[in-house]
Amino acid sequence: MAEQNRAQEPDMNQLLKVRRQKLADLQEAGQNPFVITKYDVTHHSKEIKDNYDALEGKPVSVAGRMMAKRVMGKASFCNVQDLEGNIQVYVARDEIGTDAYAAFKKYDVGDLVGVTGTVFTTKMGEISIHATGMTLLSKSLQILPEKFHGLTNTDLRYRQRYVDLIMNPEVKDTFIKRSRIISTIRKYLDSQGFMEVETPMLVANAGGAAARPFETHFNALDEDFKLRISLELYLKRLIVGGLERVYEIGRVFRNEGLDTRHNPEFTLMELYQAYTDYHGMMDLTENLYRYVAQEVLGTTKIVYNGTEMDLGQPFARITMVDAVKQYSGVDFHEIHTLEEARAAAKAHHVEYEERHRKGDILNLFFEEFVEEHLIQPTFVMDHPIEISPLTKKKPEDPEYVERFEFFMNGWEMANAYSELNDPVDQRERFKAQEAQLAQGDEEANTTDEDFLNALEIGMPPTGGIGFGIDRMCMLLTDSAAIRDVLLFPTMKSLDK
């Protein structure tokens, strides 16, 4: 039976040859669709359906991809899909003419067409267009995936996003929402007096985050450069220069692994505000998330993978030490030495490396016992100084810094500081990072002399924050993986 079914399946190569022959015939007849340079579109499908009462019987012009065709003698139906959805088109020989109708019957599913006609409702109650003219705008030489199964191969969907967008309407909706999320972020920050800026992607010193950079060689200067891993150090230079509120939304690059929440190039937003601290950044984060959800989704209650998270309620605030104590039972306020921290780690089966210090081990406890529980919006504050080389110390407790990470759904969504503006202290922190680098920590920062020079010029007290735009888009669109919110995610070459 399987062999019989295979014998009945059309020969794909033959079908492709037929499409190419149709194009050749059109070109030979002087009807090459690829010479058409424009088509006047007056309406989109959703606009017609939403405004049917006003448009009934009126002329319209639409364009899009033909997704279905049913030829029935002297009259046929087809379905045209555009940016906003799809609409049925009734095509009658007596209306568009014998030659045009004969040409229409040779159109293939996947072809791009222009339709002029009048709006009406069929006997079945479907809002449609009664065509008065059909134009072939582009010939599709490939065959779209079968209608009822669609494009379901995940790997192929990511590699051929253009087909994914055609076949899966919910994918298109996700990326329309992503665009709205980013434009709404800009709208909010602009209303708060922030100025959008651009800083270099190709840098001599990739700092501002704990990450391994990509490296490249600039032939013209015969020098090695890196792709930026964060936006921080250049934006702080602008604060020094007197631009009191700045932000940038841009790609950063980290030479790390791929998983459902990580892609080596991703979209980061960082902002810096003079004369405020990390408490000011908490207020801004809470207000921004609430505003974006309301504007894009129409609600402050979002559902991700069946779990509801409420952005309308005040966000929880807890210190890292208290969070670790709550979920592991270990109180790091009672741990005073590295030896005690190591003993606690061994007792709780937390793996650490020889280079890890007390603060590093606290962070390992946090990752092991706490993160997965932070489902509702939560600010985790006051990190150990060892893992925060660019942050101001807490005046009353210099082992810790004025930093928070924002969590939802067990994910880190943002990272913020009261920014370190003491150039002497900053130089010492860089030295400590260099020592970590020498001990094998490939994510440690190196000393940035020009940045230190900027701090010596003088930077005001400043609050700063970095947002993961892709994770924000995942939550607000209920997308399972970061690749679902990246139009063209990084993929392993098929040649490998």
Protein backbone atom coordinates (compact mmCIF):
# COMPACT_ATOMS: atom_id res chain seq x y z
CA MET A 1 0.00 0.00 0.00
CA ALA A 2 2.83 2.42 0.86
CA GLU A 3 4.42 1.80 -2.53
CA GLN A 4 1.05 2.39 -4.22
CA ASN A 5 0.63 5.71 -2.37
CA ARG A 6 4.12 6.79 -3.36
CA ALA A 7 3.32 5.94 -6.97
CA GLN A 8 0.23 8.16 -6.76
CA GLU A 9 2.16 11.12 -5.30
CA PRO A 10 3.08 13.74 -7.91
CA ASP A 11 6.69 13.90 -8.99
CA MET A 12 8.01 17.01 -7.22
CA ASN A 13 10.67 17.63 -9.84
CA GLN A 14 8.03 17.44 -12.56
CA LEU A 15 5.81 19.93 -10.75
CA LEU A 16 8.74 22.35 -10.46
CA LYS A 17 9.46 21.93 -14.16
CA VAL A 18 5.81 22.76 -14.96
CA ARG A 19 6.07 26.03 -13.01
CA ARG A 20 9.24 27.03 -14.82
CA GLN A 21 7.64 26.20 -18.14
CA LYS A 22 4.65 28.39 -17.26
CA LEU A 23 7.05 31.26 -16.58
CA ALA A 24 8.88 30.65 -19.86
CA ASP A 25 5.55 30.67 -21.74
CA LEU A 26 4.58 33.97 -20.12
CA GLN A 27 7.92 35.53 -20.97
CA GLU A 28 7.71 34.31 -24.56
CA ALA A 29 4.23 35.84 -24.83
CA GLY A 30 5.54 39.19 -23.54
CA GLN A 31 3.79 38.79 -20.18
CA ASN A 32 6.81 38.43 -17.88
CA PRO A 33 5.46 39.11 -14.35
CA PHE A 34 8.89 40.13 -13.09
CA VAL A 35 8.91 43.32 -15.17
CA ILE A 36 5.99 44.73 -13.14
CA THR A 37 7.41 47.40 -10.82
CA LYS A 38 4.37 48.48 -8.75
CA TYR A 39 0.76 47.75 -7.98
CA ASP A 40 -1.64 50.21 -6.37
CA VAL A 41 -3.13 48.66 -3.22
CA THR A 42 -6.10 50.47 -1.69
CA HIS A 43 -7.09 48.05 1.08
CA HIS A 44 -5.98 45.03 3.10
CA SER A 45 -8.08 41.97 3.86
CA LYS A 46 -8.82 42.73 7.51
CA GLU A 47 -9.69 46.34 6.70
CA ILE A 48 -12.28 45.15 4.17
CA LYS A 49 -13.84 42.69 6.62
CA ASP A 50 -13.84 45.16 9.52
CA ASN A 51 -15.48 47.86 7.39
CA TYR A 52 -17.82 45.75 5.27
CA ASP A 53 -20.89 47.92 5.76
CA ALA A 54 -19.07 50.96 4.36
CA LEU A 55 -17.31 49.04 1.58
CA GLU A 56 -20.09 46.77 0.27
CA GLY A 57 -20.37 47.26 -3.46
CA LYS A 58 -17.39 49.62 -3.51
CA PRO A 59 -14.26 49.10 -5.63
CA VAL A 60 -11.12 47.87 -3.88
CA SER A 61 -7.66 46.78 -4.88
CA VAL A 62 -5.70 44.17 -2.89
CA ALA A 63 -2.49 42.24 -3.42
CA GLY A 64 -1.00 39.15 -1.83
CA ARG A 65 -0.15 35.50 -2.16
CA MET A 66 -2.68 33.07 -3.61
CA MET A 67 -3.04 30.33 -1.00
CA ALA A 68 -5.86 28.31 -2.58
CA LYS A 69 -7.68 28.06 -5.92
CA ARG A 70 -10.86 26.24 -6.95
CA VAL A 71 -11.63 26.29 -10.70
CA MET A 72 -15.26 25.53 -11.55
CA GLY A 73 -15.87 26.04 -15.26
CA LYS A 74 -16.72 29.63 -16.06
CA ALA A 75 -16.30 30.83 -12.46
CA SER A 76 -13.69 30.14 -9.81
CA PHE A 77 -12.67 31.05 -6.29
CA CYS A 78 -9.25 31.79 -4.89
CA ASN A 79 -7.92 32.89 -1.55
CA VAL A 80 -5.44 35.78 -1.29
CA GLN A 81 -3.29 36.27 1.82
CA ASP A 82 -1.80 39.67 2.66
CA LEU A 83 -0.17 41.26 5.71
CA GLU A 84 -3.37 41.34 7.75
CA GLY A 85 -4.96 38.00 6.88
CA ASN A 86 -6.73 36.55 3.88
CA ILE A 87 -9.82 37.14 1.77
CA GLN A 88 -11.76 35.10 -0.75
CA VAL A 89 -11.92 36.27 -4.38
CA TYR A 90 -14.66 35.29 -6.84
CA VAL A 91 -13.31 35.20 -10.40
CA ALA A 92 -15.81 34.96 -13.28
CA ARG A 93 -14.86 34.63 -16.95
CA ASP A 94 -17.61 36.95 -18.09
CA GLU A 95 -16.40 39.65 -15.68
CA ILE A 96 -12.63 39.66 -16.28
CA GLY A 97 -12.66 38.44 -19.89
CA THR A 98 -11.88 35.17 -21.66
CA ASP A 99 -8.14 35.72 -22.07
CA ALA A 100 -7.65 36.95 -18.50
CA TYR A 101 -9.66 34.01 -17.16
CA ALA A 102 -7.60 31.54 -19.16
CA ALA A 103 -4.45 33.13 -17.73
CA PHE A 104 -5.88 32.98 -14.20
CA LYS A 105 -6.56 29.24 -14.52
CA LYS A 106 -2.81 28.73 -15.05
CA TYR A 107 -1.90 30.57 -11.84
CA ASP A 108 -0.37 28.40 -9.12
CA VAL A 109 -0.81 28.41 -5.36
CA GLY A 110 2.02 30.57 -4.05
CA ASP A 111 1.87 33.10 -6.90
CA LEU A 112 1.62 36.76 -5.94
CA VAL A 113 -1.41 38.44 -7.48
CA GLY A 114 -3.15 41.78 -7.60
CA VAL A 115 -6.95 41.88 -7.52
CA THR A 116 -9.33 44.69 -8.38
CA GLY A 117 -13.03 44.25 -7.76
CA THR A 118 -16.03 45.06 -5.61
CA VAL A 119 -16.82 43.92 -2.09
CA PHE A 120 -19.74 41.53 -1.60
CA THR A 121 -20.94 38.60 0.51
CA THR A 122 -21.36 35.10 -0.92
CA LYS A 123 -24.44 32.96 -0.37
CA MET A 124 -22.47 31.20 2.35
CA GLY A 125 -22.06 34.53 4.14
CA GLU A 126 -18.33 34.99 3.44
CA ILE A 127 -17.09 38.51 2.77
CA SER A 128 -15.32 38.38 -0.60
CA ILE A 129 -14.16 40.38 -3.60
CA HIS A 130 -15.91 40.03 -6.96
CA ALA A 131 -12.92 40.39 -9.25
CA THR A 132 -12.99 42.78 -12.18
CA GLY A 133 -9.29 42.33 -12.89
CA MET A 134 -6.45 39.91 -11.99
CA THR A 135 -2.73 40.63 -12.36
CA LEU A 136 0.11 38.17 -11.88
CA LEU A 137 2.72 40.15 -9.93
CA SER A 138 5.30 37.44 -9.27
CA LYS A 139 5.57 33.78 -10.25
CA SER A 140 6.34 31.30 -7.48
CA LEU A 141 8.73 28.66 -8.78
CA GLN A 142 8.72 26.63 -5.56
CA ILE A 143 5.88 24.67 -3.98
CA LEU A 144 4.55 25.66 -0.55
CA PRO A 145 4.16 23.00 2.15
CA GLU A 146 0.96 20.99 2.00
CA LYS A 147 -1.97 23.05 3.26
CA PHE A 148 -3.29 20.96 6.15
CA HIS A 149 0.04 20.00 7.67
CA GLY A 150 1.79 23.31 7.08
CA LEU A 151 5.43 23.89 7.87
CA THR A 152 5.87 21.89 11.08
CA ASN A 153 9.54 20.88 10.96
CA THR A 154 11.03 23.17 13.61
CA ASP A 155 14.54 23.28 12.15
CA LEU A 156 13.19 24.05 8.68
CA ARG A 157 10.88 26.75 10.10
CA TYR A 158 13.87 28.61 11.56
CA ARG A 159 16.00 28.17 8.44
CA GLN A 160 13.22 29.23 6.06
CA ARG A 161 11.46 31.86 8.14
CA TYR A 162 9.97 33.36 4.99
CA VAL A 163 7.98 30.14 4.42
CA ASP A 164 7.13 29.94 8.14
CA LEU A 165 5.61 33.42 7.99
CA ILE A 166 3.50 32.43 4.98
CA MET A 167 2.21 29.14 6.37
CA ASN A 168 1.78 29.92 10.08
CA PRO A 169 -0.29 33.05 10.85
CA GLU A 170 0.56 32.88 14.56
CA VAL A 171 4.26 33.29 13.69
CA LYS A 172 3.54 36.48 11.79
CA ASP A 173 1.47 37.70 14.74
CA THR A 174 4.40 37.06 17.11
CA PHE A 175 6.75 39.23 15.08
CA ILE A 176 4.18 41.98 14.62
CA LYS A 177 3.85 41.99 18.42
CA ARG A 178 7.64 42.05 18.81
CA SER A 179 7.81 45.16 16.63
CA ARG A 180 5.07 46.79 18.70
CA ILE A 181 6.84 45.87 21.97
CA ILE A 182 10.04 47.61 20.86
CA SER A 183 8.26 50.67 19.49
CA THR A 184 6.25 50.92 22.74
CA ILE A 185 9.46 50.76 24.81
CA ARG A 186 10.82 53.64 22.75
CA LYS A 187 7.58 55.59 23.16
CA TYR A 188 7.71 55.20 26.95
CA LEU A 189 11.38 56.12 27.32
CA ASP A 190 11.05 59.08 24.98
CA SER A 191 8.17 60.32 27.12
CA GLN A 192 10.46 60.12 30.17
CA GLY A 193 13.08 62.36 28.59
CA PHE A 194 15.48 59.65 27.44
CA MET A 195 17.54 60.09 24.30
CA GLU A 196 18.20 57.13 21.98
CA VAL A 197 21.83 56.79 20.89
CA GLU A 198 24.07 54.36 19.00
CA THR A 199 27.43 53.04 20.17
CA PRO A 200 30.09 50.85 18.47
CA MET A 201 29.57 47.14 17.88
CA LEU A 202 33.22 46.57 16.92
CA VAL A 203 35.37 47.35 19.96
CA ALA A 204 38.93 46.93 21.19
CA ASN A 205 37.78 46.02 24.70
CA ALA A 206 34.53 44.08 25.14
CA GLY A 207 33.42 44.88 28.68
CA GLY A 208 30.33 45.55 30.73
CA ALA A 209 29.22 41.94 31.22
CA ALA A 210 30.49 38.52 32.24
CA ALA A 211 30.62 36.87 28.83
CA ARG A 212 33.08 35.48 26.30
CA PRO A 213 33.33 37.72 23.21
CA PHE A 214 33.66 36.89 19.55
CA GLU A 215 36.99 38.05 18.14
CA THR A 216 37.89 39.25 14.67
CA HIS A 217 40.76 40.93 12.82
CA PHE A 218 40.43 44.35 11.21
CA ASN A 219 42.65 44.16 8.14
CA ALA A 220 42.82 47.91 7.44
CA LEU A 221 44.33 48.64 10.86
CA ASP A 222 45.98 45.24 11.28
CA GLU A 223 44.45 45.03 14.75
CA ASP A 224 42.29 42.52 16.59
CA PHE A 225 38.81 43.66 17.58
CA LYS A 226 35.88 42.11 19.44
CA LEU A 227 32.13 42.23 18.95
CA ARG A 228 30.51 43.98 21.89
CA ILE A 229 29.02 41.89 24.68
CA SER A 230 27.12 44.79 26.24
CA LEU A 231 26.32 48.47 25.71
CA GLU A 232 27.37 49.70 29.13
CA LEU A 233 30.78 51.32 28.96
CA TYR A 234 30.08 53.57 25.98
CA LEU A 235 26.71 54.68 27.33
CA LYS A 236 28.37 55.66 30.61
CA ARG A 237 30.85 57.76 28.65
CA LEU A 238 27.83 59.69 27.36
CA ILE A 239 26.60 60.28 30.92
CA VAL A 240 30.06 61.72 31.64
CA GLY A 241 29.59 63.93 28.60
CA GLY A 242 26.41 65.43 30.05
CA LEU A 243 23.69 63.45 28.25
CA GLU A 244 21.72 62.80 31.41
CA ARG A 245 19.30 60.12 30.14
CA VAL A 246 20.38 57.79 27.33
CA TYR A 247 19.35 54.41 26.01
CA GLU A 248 20.24 52.06 23.20
CA ILE A 249 18.43 49.06 21.74
CA GLY A 250 20.88 46.97 19.76
CA ARG A 251 22.47 43.64 19.02
CA VAL A 252 25.17 42.25 21.28
CA PHE A 253 27.22 39.12 20.72
CA ARG A 254 28.33 36.46 23.21
CA ASN A 255 30.40 33.43 22.24
CA GLU A 256 28.33 30.99 24.23
CA GLY A 257 26.00 28.03 23.76
CA LEU A 258 22.58 27.75 22.16
CA ASP A 259 19.48 26.78 24.11
CA THR A 260 15.84 27.82 24.50
CA ARG A 261 16.82 31.12 26.16
CA HIS A 262 20.20 31.88 24.58
CA ASN A 263 21.31 32.88 21.08
CA PRO A 264 24.85 34.15 20.40
CA GLU A 265 23.49 37.39 18.97
CA PHE A 266 20.53 38.93 20.73
CA THR A 267 18.83 42.26 21.35
CA LEU A 268 19.75 44.14 24.49
CA MET A 269 18.46 47.46 25.75
CA GLU A 270 20.52 49.44 28.22
CA LEU A 271 19.63 52.80 29.70
CA TYR A 272 21.41 55.16 32.07
CA GLN A 273 19.96 58.01 34.08
CA ALA A 274 22.05 60.56 35.94
CA TYR A 275 21.21 61.54 39.52
CA THR A 276 19.28 58.40 40.44
CA ASP A 277 20.13 54.95 41.86
CA TYR A 278 19.02 51.34 41.61
CA HIS A 279 15.77 52.13 43.41
CA GLY A 280 14.97 54.58 40.63
CA MET A 281 15.72 51.80 38.13
CA MET A 282 13.29 49.47 39.94
CA ASP A 283 10.51 52.05 39.64
CA LEU A 284 11.29 52.59 35.96
CA THR A 285 11.33 48.84 35.26
CA GLU A 286 8.01 48.27 36.99
CA ASN A 287 6.35 51.16 35.16
CA LEU A 288 7.85 50.20 31.79
CA TYR A 289 6.78 46.54 31.92
CA ARG A 290 3.28 47.49 33.04
CA TYR A 291 2.97 50.11 30.28
CA VAL A 292 4.23 47.82 27.49
CA ALA A 293 1.91 44.95 28.48
CA GLN A 294 -1.11 47.23 28.64
CA GLU A 295 -0.33 48.92 25.31
CA VAL A 296 0.53 45.77 23.34
CA LEU A 297 -1.71 43.14 24.95
CA GLY A 298 -4.44 45.29 26.44
CA THR A 299 -3.91 43.80 29.91
CA THR A 300 -1.31 43.69 32.69
CA LYS A 301 -2.03 40.00 33.32
CA ILE A 302 0.02 37.80 31.03
CA VAL A 303 -0.07 34.02 30.65
CA TYR A 304 3.07 32.08 29.77
CA ASN A 305 2.88 28.33 29.29
CA GLY A 306 -0.32 28.25 31.31
CA THR A 307 1.03 30.32 34.23
CA GLU A 308 -0.47 33.75 34.90
CA MET A 309 1.82 36.59 35.94
CA ASP A 310 0.38 39.86 37.16
CA LEU A 311 2.25 43.01 36.18
CA GLY A 312 -0.49 45.16 37.69
CA GLN A 313 0.50 44.34 41.29
CA PRO A 314 3.55 45.88 43.01
CA PHE A 315 6.63 43.83 42.15
CA ALA A 316 8.17 41.84 45.02
CA ARG A 317 11.57 43.01 46.35
CA ILE A 318 13.96 40.72 48.24
CA THR A 319 17.72 40.68 48.88
CA MET A 320 19.81 37.86 47.45
CA VAL A 321 20.86 36.78 50.94
CA ASP A 322 17.24 36.63 52.16
CA ALA A 323 16.15 34.76 49.03
CA VAL A 324 18.88 32.14 49.50
CA LYS A 325 17.94 31.79 53.16
CA GLN A 326 14.25 31.40 52.27
CA TYR A 327 14.75 28.64 49.69
CA SER A 328 17.88 26.84 50.94
CA GLY A 329 17.89 27.51 54.68
CA VAL A 330 21.47 28.85 54.51
CA ASP A 331 21.98 32.34 55.96
CA PHE A 332 25.02 33.98 54.36
CA HIS A 333 24.88 36.74 56.97
CA GLU A 334 26.15 34.04 59.34
CA ILE A 335 28.89 32.95 56.91
CA HIS A 336 31.97 35.14 57.34
CA THR A 337 34.83 33.31 55.62
CA LEU A 338 35.54 31.54 52.35
CA GLU A 339 36.08 28.31 54.25
CA GLU A 340 32.62 28.55 55.81
CA ALA A 341 31.09 29.25 52.40
CA ARG A 342 32.84 26.21 50.90
CA ALA A 343 31.67 24.04 53.77
CA ALA A 344 28.08 25.15 53.23
CA ALA A 345 28.40 24.45 49.51
CA LYS A 346 29.68 20.93 50.16
CA ALA A 347 26.91 20.27 52.68
CA HIS A 348 24.27 21.32 50.14
CA HIS A 349 25.93 19.68 47.10
CA VAL A 350 26.60 23.00 45.37
CA GLU A 351 29.56 22.61 43.01
CA TYR A 352 32.14 25.39 42.98
CA GLU A 353 35.57 26.03 41.49
CA GLU A 354 38.82 26.79 43.33
CA ARG A 355 38.77 30.38 42.06
CA HIS A 356 35.30 31.06 43.48
CA ARG A 357 35.12 33.38 46.46
CA LYS A 358 32.45 33.75 49.14
CA GLY A 359 30.28 36.01 46.98
CA ASP A 360 30.57 33.67 44.01
CA ILE A 361 29.36 30.78 46.17
CA LEU A 362 26.39 32.84 47.39
CA ASN A 363 25.47 33.39 43.74
CA LEU A 364 25.81 29.66 43.05
CA PHE A 365 23.36 28.98 45.90
CA PHE A 366 20.99 31.52 44.38
CA GLU A 367 21.14 29.87 40.96
CA GLU A 368 20.71 26.39 42.46
CA PHE A 369 17.91 27.01 44.96
CA VAL A 370 16.13 30.27 44.17
CA GLU A 371 15.78 31.21 40.49
CA GLU A 372 13.18 28.60 39.53
CA HIS A 373 10.82 29.87 42.25
CA LEU A 374 10.74 33.50 41.05
CA ILE A 375 7.65 33.25 38.85
CA GLN A 376 5.84 36.49 39.68
CA PRO A 377 7.67 39.78 38.99
CA THR A 378 10.47 40.01 41.56
CA PHE A 379 13.47 42.27 42.15
CA VAL A 380 16.39 40.41 43.73
CA MET A 381 18.65 43.04 45.33
CA ASP A 382 22.05 43.56 46.89
CA HIS A 383 24.44 41.18 45.16
CA PRO A 384 27.91 40.29 46.47
CA ILE A 385 30.68 42.59 45.30
CA GLU A 386 32.67 39.69 43.80
CA ILE A 387 30.18 39.27 40.91
CA SER A 388 29.48 42.99 40.39
CA PRO A 389 32.62 44.78 39.14
CA LEU A 390 30.81 47.91 37.90
CA THR A 391 28.49 48.58 40.83
CA LYS A 392 28.53 50.90 43.86
CA LYS A 393 29.09 49.29 47.25
CA LYS A 394 26.37 49.52 49.85
CA PRO A 395 27.74 52.15 52.27
CA GLU A 396 26.54 50.23 55.32
CA ASP A 397 27.71 46.81 54.06
CA PRO A 398 30.62 47.02 51.58
CA GLU A 399 30.64 43.26 50.91
CA TYR A 400 27.48 43.87 48.89
CA VAL A 401 26.52 46.30 46.13
CA GLU A 402 23.49 48.32 45.05
CA ARG A 403 22.38 45.99 42.30
CA PHE A 404 19.23 44.11 41.40
CA GLU A 405 18.18 41.49 38.90
CA PHE A 406 14.57 41.41 37.75
CA PHE A 407 13.00 37.95 37.51
CA MET A 408 9.82 36.56 35.97
CA ASN A 409 8.93 32.96 35.18
CA GLY A 410 12.20 31.91 36.83
CA TRP A 411 14.18 33.90 34.24
CA GLU A 412 16.47 36.87 34.67
CA MET A 413 14.78 39.65 32.69
CA ALA A 414 16.92 42.66 33.61
CA ASN A 415 20.06 43.61 35.53
CA ALA A 416 20.57 47.01 37.13
CA TYR A 417 23.01 48.97 39.31
CA SER A 418 23.72 52.11 41.15
CA GLU A 419 26.67 52.66 38.84
CA LEU A 420 30.19 52.77 40.22
CA ASN A 421 31.58 56.25 39.51
CA ASP A 422 34.72 56.15 41.69
CA PRO A 423 37.65 55.78 39.22
CA VAL A 424 40.07 54.55 41.90
CA ASP A 425 37.67 51.85 43.08
CA GLN A 426 36.88 50.95 39.46
CA ARG A 427 40.55 50.44 38.66
CA GLU A 428 40.88 48.07 41.60
CA ARG A 429 37.81 46.14 40.42
CA PHE A 430 39.32 45.83 36.95
CA LYS A 431 42.54 44.49 38.53
CA ALA A 432 40.50 41.85 40.34
CA GLN A 433 38.84 40.93 37.04
CA GLU A 434 42.25 40.65 35.35
CA ALA A 435 43.32 38.25 38.11
CA GLN A 436 40.20 36.17 37.48
CA LEU A 437 41.02 36.15 33.77
CA ALA A 438 44.51 34.90 34.54
CA GLN A 439 43.00 32.08 36.59
CA GLY A 440 40.99 30.86 33.62
CA ASP A 441 37.73 32.83 33.82
CA GLU A 442 37.12 33.59 30.12
CA GLU A 443 34.14 35.80 31.03
CA ALA A 444 36.13 38.22 33.20
CA ASN A 445 36.52 41.84 32.10
CA THR A 446 39.81 43.51 31.19
CA THR A 447 40.90 47.02 32.13
CA ASP A 448 39.45 49.72 29.87
CA GLU A 449 41.80 52.71 30.24
CA ASP A 450 39.67 55.11 28.21
CA PHE A 451 36.64 54.30 30.36
CA LEU A 452 38.71 54.94 33.49
CA ASN A 453 39.79 58.26 31.99
CA ALA A 454 36.12 59.14 31.49
CA LEU A 455 35.40 58.35 35.14
CA GLU A 456 38.32 60.56 36.16
CA ILE A 457 36.72 63.41 34.21
CA GLY A 458 33.76 62.80 36.51
CA MET A 459 30.50 60.82 36.25
CA PRO A 460 27.50 61.89 38.33
CA PRO A 461 25.62 59.42 40.53
CA THR A 462 23.84 57.25 37.97
CA GLY A 463 21.37 54.40 37.77
CA GLY A 464 21.64 51.96 34.89
CA ILE A 465 19.86 48.86 33.65
CA GLY A 466 20.06 46.24 30.90
CA PHE A 467 16.92 44.53 29.57
CA GLY A 468 16.82 41.32 27.55
CA ILE A 469 14.40 42.32 24.81
CA ASP A 470 14.11 38.78 23.41
CA ARG A 471 13.05 37.25 26.73
CA MET A 472 10.55 40.07 27.22
CA CYS A 473 9.12 39.24 23.79
CA MET A 474 8.99 35.53 24.70
CA LEU A 475 6.91 36.24 27.80
CA LEU A 476 4.55 38.70 26.12
CA THR A 477 3.94 36.41 23.12
CA ASP A 478 3.89 33.08 25.02
CA SER A 479 6.76 31.77 22.90
CA ALA A 480 8.53 28.61 24.06
CA ALA A 481 12.04 29.39 22.79
CA ILE A 482 14.15 32.43 22.00
CA ARG A 483 14.33 31.27 18.38
CA ASP A 484 10.58 31.78 18.16
CA VAL A 485 11.03 35.54 18.66
CA LEU A 486 14.14 35.94 16.47
CA LEU A 487 13.32 36.24 12.79
CA PHE A 488 16.60 34.64 11.79
CA PRO A 489 18.15 32.74 14.72
CA THR A 490 21.68 31.37 14.57
CA MET A 491 21.71 27.91 13.01
CA LYS A 492 24.41 25.34 12.43
CA SER A 493 25.40 25.14 8.80
CA LEU A 494 23.82 22.26 6.89
CA ASP A 495 27.25 21.62 5.35
CA LYS A 496 28.72 20.64 8.73
